[in-house]
N, C-alpha and C. Protein backbone atom coordinates (compact mmCIF):
# COMPACT_ATOMS: atom_id res chain seq x y z
N MET A 1 0.80 -1.19 -0.13
CA MET A 1 -0.06 0.11 0.10
C MET A 1 0.92 1.36 -0.10
N THR A 2 1.18 1.93 -1.04
CA THR A 2 1.97 3.18 -1.04
C THR A 2 1.14 4.14 -0.87
N ASP A 3 -0.07 4.58 -1.22
CA ASP A 3 -0.73 5.85 -1.21
C ASP A 3 -2.20 5.35 -1.35
N LEU A 4 -3.04 5.82 -0.09
CA LEU A 4 -4.48 5.61 -0.06
C LEU A 4 -5.30 6.71 -0.37
N GLU A 5 -4.94 7.21 -1.74
CA GLU A 5 -5.71 8.29 -2.22
C GLU A 5 -7.23 7.65 -2.40
N PRO A 6 -8.00 8.50 -2.40
CA PRO A 6 -9.54 8.20 -2.37
C PRO A 6 -9.72 7.55 -3.85
N ASN A 7 -9.23 6.54 -4.13
CA ASN A 7 -9.42 5.80 -5.48
C ASN A 7 -9.53 4.24 -5.15
N ASN A 8 -10.36 3.63 -6.22
CA ASN A 8 -10.86 2.32 -5.85
C ASN A 8 -9.53 1.33 -6.00
N ASN A 9 -8.61 1.70 -6.72
CA ASN A 9 -7.37 0.79 -6.79
C ASN A 9 -6.65 0.54 -5.61
N ALA A 10 -6.70 1.76 -4.76
CA ALA A 10 -5.97 1.63 -3.53
C ALA A 10 -6.99 1.16 -2.28
N CYS A 11 -8.21 1.32 -2.59
CA CYS A 11 -8.97 0.96 -1.52
C CYS A 11 -9.61 -0.51 -1.53
N VAL A 12 -9.52 -1.05 -2.55
CA VAL A 12 -10.00 -2.37 -2.62
C VAL A 12 -9.36 -3.53 -1.95
N PRO A 13 -8.05 -3.61 -2.05
CA PRO A 13 -7.32 -4.52 -1.28
C PRO A 13 -7.49 -4.31 0.12
N VAL A 14 -7.51 -3.37 0.68
CA VAL A 14 -7.45 -3.16 2.03
C VAL A 14 -8.84 -3.37 2.73
N LEU A 15 -9.97 -2.93 1.93
CA LEU A 15 -11.18 -3.32 2.49
C LEU A 15 -11.40 -4.78 2.32
N LYS A 16 -10.81 -5.34 1.16
CA LYS A 16 -11.10 -6.89 1.18
C LYS A 16 -10.37 -7.63 2.16
N ALA A 17 -9.25 -7.20 2.56
CA ALA A 17 -8.48 -7.96 3.85
C ALA A 17 -9.33 -7.58 5.14
N LEU A 18 -9.79 -6.42 5.14
CA LEU A 18 -10.62 -6.19 6.45
C LEU A 18 -11.85 -6.88 6.63
N ALA A 19 -12.42 -7.43 5.23
CA ALA A 19 -13.80 -7.88 5.27
C ALA A 19 -14.08 -9.34 5.62
N ASP A 20 -12.96 -9.79 6.40
CA ASP A 20 -13.19 -11.29 6.69
C ASP A 20 -12.77 -11.54 8.17
N GLU A 21 -13.60 -12.20 9.06
CA GLU A 21 -13.50 -12.34 10.26
C GLU A 21 -12.10 -13.22 10.70
N THR A 22 -11.53 -14.31 9.94
CA THR A 22 -10.19 -14.60 10.06
C THR A 22 -9.16 -13.64 9.81
N ARG A 23 -9.27 -13.07 8.82
CA ARG A 23 -8.13 -12.13 8.55
C ARG A 23 -7.99 -11.05 9.67
N LEU A 24 -9.30 -10.61 10.25
CA LEU A 24 -9.27 -9.58 11.32
C LEU A 24 -8.86 -10.18 12.62
N SER A 25 -8.74 -11.50 12.66
CA SER A 25 -8.21 -12.18 13.97
C SER A 25 -6.91 -12.19 13.85
N ILE A 26 -6.37 -12.60 12.69
CA ILE A 26 -4.97 -12.74 12.31
C ILE A 26 -4.40 -11.32 12.63
N LEU A 27 -5.15 -10.22 12.23
CA LEU A 27 -4.40 -8.83 12.48
C LEU A 27 -4.41 -8.73 14.10
N HIS A 28 -5.33 -9.24 14.49
CA HIS A 28 -5.23 -8.96 16.18
C HIS A 28 -4.15 -9.76 16.66
N MET A 29 -3.85 -10.89 16.33
CA MET A 29 -2.77 -11.86 16.79
C MET A 29 -1.33 -11.07 16.55
N LEU A 30 -1.44 -10.60 15.23
CA LEU A 30 0.05 -9.69 14.99
C LEU A 30 0.18 -8.54 15.73
N GLN A 31 -0.62 -7.95 16.28
CA GLN A 31 -0.59 -6.62 17.21
C GLN A 31 0.37 -6.93 18.15
N ASP A 32 0.73 -8.15 18.69
CA ASP A 32 1.60 -8.28 19.74
C ASP A 32 3.10 -8.78 19.35
N GLY A 33 3.33 -8.64 17.95
CA GLY A 33 4.56 -8.79 17.49
C GLY A 33 4.50 -9.78 16.04
N GLU A 34 5.85 -9.96 15.80
CA GLU A 34 5.75 -11.04 14.48
C GLU A 34 5.40 -12.28 15.08
N LEU A 35 4.74 -13.15 14.01
CA LEU A 35 4.44 -14.51 14.59
C LEU A 35 4.91 -15.35 13.11
N CYS A 36 5.12 -16.64 13.64
CA CYS A 36 5.30 -17.76 12.69
C CYS A 36 4.05 -18.33 11.99
N ALA A 37 3.98 -18.39 10.61
CA ALA A 37 2.88 -19.12 10.18
C ALA A 37 2.18 -20.22 10.83
N CYS A 38 3.18 -20.92 11.55
CA CYS A 38 2.87 -22.32 12.32
C CYS A 38 1.76 -21.71 13.50
N LYS A 39 2.18 -20.96 14.04
CA LYS A 39 1.27 -20.32 15.30
C LYS A 39 -0.07 -20.12 14.78
N ILE A 40 0.10 -19.13 13.60
CA ILE A 40 -1.22 -18.62 13.19
C ILE A 40 -2.17 -19.86 12.89
N GLN A 41 -1.64 -20.71 12.16
CA GLN A 41 -2.43 -21.75 11.68
C GLN A 41 -2.88 -22.74 12.85
N GLU A 42 -2.04 -22.84 13.71
CA GLU A 42 -2.44 -23.58 15.25
C GLU A 42 -3.71 -23.15 15.75
N ARG A 43 -3.78 -21.54 15.82
CA ARG A 43 -4.73 -21.01 16.40
C ARG A 43 -6.11 -21.17 15.79
N PHE A 44 -6.08 -21.17 14.24
CA PHE A 44 -7.41 -21.37 13.60
C PHE A 44 -7.82 -22.82 13.17
N ASP A 45 -6.86 -23.66 13.38
CA ASP A 45 -7.12 -25.17 12.93
C ASP A 45 -7.48 -25.16 11.55
N ILE A 46 -6.73 -24.33 10.57
CA ILE A 46 -6.96 -24.37 9.32
C ILE A 46 -5.77 -24.96 8.29
N SER A 47 -6.16 -25.36 7.29
CA SER A 47 -5.05 -26.00 6.33
C SER A 47 -3.85 -24.84 6.01
N GLN A 48 -2.61 -25.45 5.57
CA GLN A 48 -1.81 -24.36 5.13
C GLN A 48 -2.07 -23.73 3.99
N PRO A 49 -2.75 -24.23 2.99
CA PRO A 49 -3.16 -23.58 1.71
C PRO A 49 -4.19 -22.55 2.35
N THR A 50 -5.07 -22.86 3.17
CA THR A 50 -6.03 -21.77 3.45
C THR A 50 -5.27 -20.61 4.36
N LEU A 51 -4.33 -20.92 5.00
CA LEU A 51 -3.68 -19.92 5.64
C LEU A 51 -2.92 -19.09 4.79
N SER A 52 -2.20 -19.65 3.60
CA SER A 52 -1.54 -18.88 2.46
C SER A 52 -2.60 -18.01 1.76
N TYR A 53 -3.62 -18.45 1.57
CA TYR A 53 -4.50 -17.63 0.95
C TYR A 53 -4.83 -16.37 1.76
N HIS A 54 -5.24 -16.55 3.09
CA HIS A 54 -5.56 -15.37 3.87
C HIS A 54 -4.37 -14.44 4.08
N MET A 55 -3.12 -15.05 4.14
CA MET A 55 -1.81 -14.08 4.33
C MET A 55 -1.33 -13.56 3.03
N LYS A 56 -1.74 -14.03 1.86
CA LYS A 56 -1.60 -13.36 0.63
C LYS A 56 -2.35 -12.10 0.49
N ILE A 57 -3.57 -12.16 0.80
CA ILE A 57 -4.70 -10.93 0.79
C ILE A 57 -4.00 -10.04 1.72
N LEU A 58 -3.64 -10.43 2.86
CA LEU A 58 -3.09 -9.44 3.92
C LEU A 58 -1.76 -8.75 3.69
N THR A 59 -0.89 -9.56 2.75
CA THR A 59 0.46 -9.00 2.42
C THR A 59 -0.05 -7.97 1.25
N GLN A 60 -0.94 -8.51 0.26
CA GLN A 60 -0.96 -7.65 -0.90
C GLN A 60 -1.88 -6.52 -0.55
N SER A 61 -2.42 -6.25 0.57
CA SER A 61 -3.23 -5.19 1.08
C SER A 61 -2.24 -4.14 1.42
N GLY A 62 -0.98 -4.66 1.85
CA GLY A 62 -0.06 -3.59 2.46
C GLY A 62 -0.01 -3.55 4.04
N LEU A 63 -0.99 -4.45 4.74
CA LEU A 63 -1.30 -4.45 6.00
C LEU A 63 -0.26 -5.11 7.04
N VAL A 64 0.34 -6.38 6.03
CA VAL A 64 1.13 -7.21 6.81
C VAL A 64 2.39 -7.40 5.77
N LYS A 65 3.43 -7.68 6.43
CA LYS A 65 4.74 -8.10 5.72
C LYS A 65 4.98 -9.44 6.22
N SER A 66 5.90 -10.10 5.04
CA SER A 66 6.33 -11.61 5.49
C SER A 66 7.93 -11.56 5.32
N ARG A 67 8.54 -12.54 5.82
CA ARG A 67 9.68 -12.93 5.55
C ARG A 67 9.86 -14.41 5.67
N LYS A 68 10.81 -14.95 5.09
CA LYS A 68 11.07 -16.34 5.13
C LYS A 68 12.06 -16.53 6.10
N ASP A 69 11.84 -17.69 7.02
CA ASP A 69 12.74 -17.97 8.39
C ASP A 69 12.85 -19.41 8.10
N GLY A 70 13.69 -20.03 7.46
CA GLY A 70 13.72 -21.36 7.14
C GLY A 70 12.67 -22.15 6.48
N LEU A 71 12.05 -22.92 6.91
CA LEU A 71 10.83 -23.47 6.34
C LEU A 71 9.59 -22.57 6.52
N TRP A 72 9.75 -21.86 7.50
CA TRP A 72 8.26 -21.20 7.71
C TRP A 72 8.52 -19.67 7.35
N MET A 73 7.16 -19.13 7.12
CA MET A 73 7.19 -17.60 7.14
C MET A 73 6.89 -17.00 8.24
N GLN A 74 7.36 -15.78 8.53
CA GLN A 74 7.16 -14.90 9.69
C GLN A 74 6.26 -13.75 9.11
N TYR A 75 5.25 -13.41 9.93
CA TYR A 75 4.24 -12.21 9.47
C TYR A 75 4.41 -11.12 10.58
N SER A 76 4.36 -9.89 10.01
CA SER A 76 4.17 -8.63 11.04
C SER A 76 3.37 -7.68 10.58
N LEU A 77 2.91 -6.85 11.19
CA LEU A 77 1.96 -5.67 10.77
C LEU A 77 3.09 -4.48 10.24
N ILE A 78 2.49 -3.85 9.21
CA ILE A 78 3.18 -2.55 8.88
C ILE A 78 2.30 -1.66 9.36
N ALA A 79 2.88 -1.13 10.58
CA ALA A 79 2.25 -0.24 11.38
C ALA A 79 1.71 1.12 10.68
N GLU A 80 2.65 1.72 9.87
CA GLU A 80 2.48 3.03 9.15
C GLU A 80 1.26 2.85 8.25
N ASN A 81 0.95 1.62 7.80
CA ASN A 81 -0.13 1.49 6.86
C ASN A 81 -1.50 1.43 7.27
N PHE A 82 -1.53 1.20 8.77
CA PHE A 82 -2.80 1.13 9.75
C PHE A 82 -3.25 2.75 9.57
N CYS A 83 -2.24 3.69 9.89
CA CYS A 83 -2.49 5.05 9.83
C CYS A 83 -3.24 5.34 8.39
N GLU A 84 -2.60 5.27 7.37
CA GLU A 84 -3.29 5.42 6.00
C GLU A 84 -4.71 4.85 6.07
N THR A 85 -4.79 3.63 6.65
CA THR A 85 -6.21 2.93 6.42
C THR A 85 -7.23 3.82 7.27
N ARG A 86 -6.79 4.33 8.58
CA ARG A 86 -7.59 4.81 9.41
C ARG A 86 -7.86 6.35 8.71
N ASP A 87 -7.13 6.90 7.95
CA ASP A 87 -7.40 8.03 7.34
C ASP A 87 -8.18 7.80 6.12
N LEU A 88 -8.15 6.55 5.41
CA LEU A 88 -8.95 6.35 4.24
C LEU A 88 -10.48 6.08 4.86
N LEU A 89 -10.56 5.37 5.97
CA LEU A 89 -11.99 5.05 6.49
C LEU A 89 -12.50 6.48 7.16
N ALA A 90 -11.51 7.55 7.66
CA ALA A 90 -12.27 8.69 8.07
C ALA A 90 -12.88 9.46 6.94
N ARG A 91 -12.48 9.35 5.85
CA ARG A 91 -13.17 10.15 4.82
C ARG A 91 -14.64 9.62 4.74
N PHE A 92 -14.97 8.43 4.96
CA PHE A 92 -16.17 8.33 4.94
C PHE A 92 -17.03 8.37 5.99
N SER A 93 -16.37 8.70 7.06
CA SER A 93 -17.13 9.29 8.36
C SER A 93 -16.96 10.84 8.56
N SER A 94 -16.70 11.65 7.79
CA SER A 94 -16.57 12.97 8.19
C SER A 94 -17.82 13.40 7.89
N SER A 95 -18.04 14.59 8.45
CA SER A 95 -19.42 15.53 8.60
C SER A 95 -19.57 15.90 7.07
N SER A 96 -20.80 15.97 6.71
CA SER A 96 -20.98 16.31 5.37
C SER A 96 -20.59 17.49 4.79
N THR A 97 -20.13 18.72 5.86
CA THR A 97 -19.51 19.74 5.17
C THR A 97 -17.84 19.36 5.00
N ALA A 98 -17.22 18.64 5.86
CA ALA A 98 -16.09 18.25 5.42
C ALA A 98 -15.80 17.47 4.34
N ARG A 99 -17.09 16.54 4.34
CA ARG A 99 -16.80 15.61 3.27
C ARG A 99 -16.94 16.10 1.66
N LYS A 100 -17.48 17.32 1.83
CA LYS A 100 -17.52 17.98 0.33
C LYS A 100 -15.98 18.37 -0.18
N SER A 101 -15.26 18.66 0.83
CA SER A 101 -13.66 19.02 0.49
C SER A 101 -13.09 17.90 0.13
N ILE A 102 -13.47 16.63 0.46
CA ILE A 102 -12.71 15.14 0.11
C ILE A 102 -13.56 14.25 -0.73
N CYS A 103 -14.42 14.87 -1.43
CA CYS A 103 -15.72 13.89 -2.03
C CYS A 103 -14.97 13.11 -3.14
N LEU A 104 -15.14 12.05 -3.36
CA LEU A 104 -14.48 11.15 -4.25
C LEU A 104 -15.01 11.63 -5.76
N CYS A 105 -15.98 12.21 -5.73
CA CYS A 105 -16.69 12.87 -7.04
C CYS A 105 -16.72 14.11 -7.35
N ALA A 106 -16.13 14.77 -6.43
CA ALA A 106 -16.45 16.41 -6.30
C ALA A 106 -16.40 16.89 -7.78
N ASP A 107 -15.14 16.65 -8.37
CA ASP A 107 -15.01 17.17 -9.83
C ASP A 107 -16.03 16.77 -10.70
N GLN A 108 -16.78 15.80 -10.39
CA GLN A 108 -17.78 15.32 -11.40
C GLN A 108 -19.20 15.89 -11.05
N LYS A 109 -19.42 16.53 -9.92
CA LYS A 109 -20.41 17.07 -9.39
C LYS A 109 -21.69 16.39 -9.55
N VAL A 110 -21.48 15.27 -8.96
CA VAL A 110 -22.67 14.32 -8.73
C VAL A 110 -23.20 14.08 -7.44
N CYS A 111 -22.54 14.56 -6.46
CA CYS A 111 -23.01 14.62 -5.23
C CYS A 111 -24.19 15.63 -4.92
N PRO A 112 -25.17 15.28 -3.99
CA PRO A 112 -26.33 16.05 -3.81
C PRO A 112 -25.58 17.19 -2.93
N PRO A 113 -26.19 18.55 -2.75
CA PRO A 113 -25.61 19.31 -1.84
C PRO A 113 -25.93 18.97 -0.29
N ALA A 114 -24.79 19.20 0.73
CA ALA A 114 -24.98 18.77 2.11
C ALA A 114 -25.99 19.68 2.44
N GLU A 115 -26.79 18.99 3.37
CA GLU A 115 -27.99 19.35 4.15
C GLU A 115 -27.64 19.85 5.27
N PRO A 116 -28.28 21.11 5.69
CA PRO A 116 -27.87 21.96 7.02
C PRO A 116 -27.88 21.01 8.14
N ASP A 117 -27.11 20.89 9.12
CA ASP A 117 -27.00 20.16 10.25
C ASP A 117 -28.19 21.01 11.09
N MET A 118 -29.07 20.27 11.41
CA MET A 118 -30.31 20.83 12.43
C MET A 118 -29.74 20.62 13.88
N GLY A 119 -28.86 19.71 14.25
CA GLY A 119 -28.59 19.44 15.71
C GLY A 119 -29.67 18.62 16.52
N SER A 120 -29.51 18.61 17.68
CA SER A 120 -30.73 18.08 18.48
C SER A 120 -31.52 18.89 19.19
N SER A 121 -31.28 20.20 19.01
CA SER A 121 -32.21 21.10 19.71
C SER A 121 -33.46 21.07 19.25
N ASN A 122 -34.15 20.73 18.17
CA ASN A 122 -35.32 20.73 17.98
C ASN A 122 -36.33 19.45 18.51
N ARG A 123 -35.50 18.67 19.35
CA ARG A 123 -36.29 17.66 19.99
C ARG A 123 -36.81 17.75 21.16
């Protein structure tokens, strides 16, 4: 993951990596530091090809890096890319006023105008 600009090419691999329970659990495991594939595999009781599939998606997303250590692969998080991912997700949760400045289609003028914030004072 080099640059998480608001474009589908950069967003899709990250969102795909985050869209699976097993991969999210693997990311949680890796928060404590580098782990051998064998330890990850033990935790989930999954086959080696299944683990390889999940790790390929995580590494291609740029959230995880791998290194060979003898017969096994070692995996760890790429911490700085989680900051970029947080910023990417924040674009979707920004207030409507702020969202206009970072709108993915602002130059195409297809977004409806932002509605005024009525707040909770009318309740």
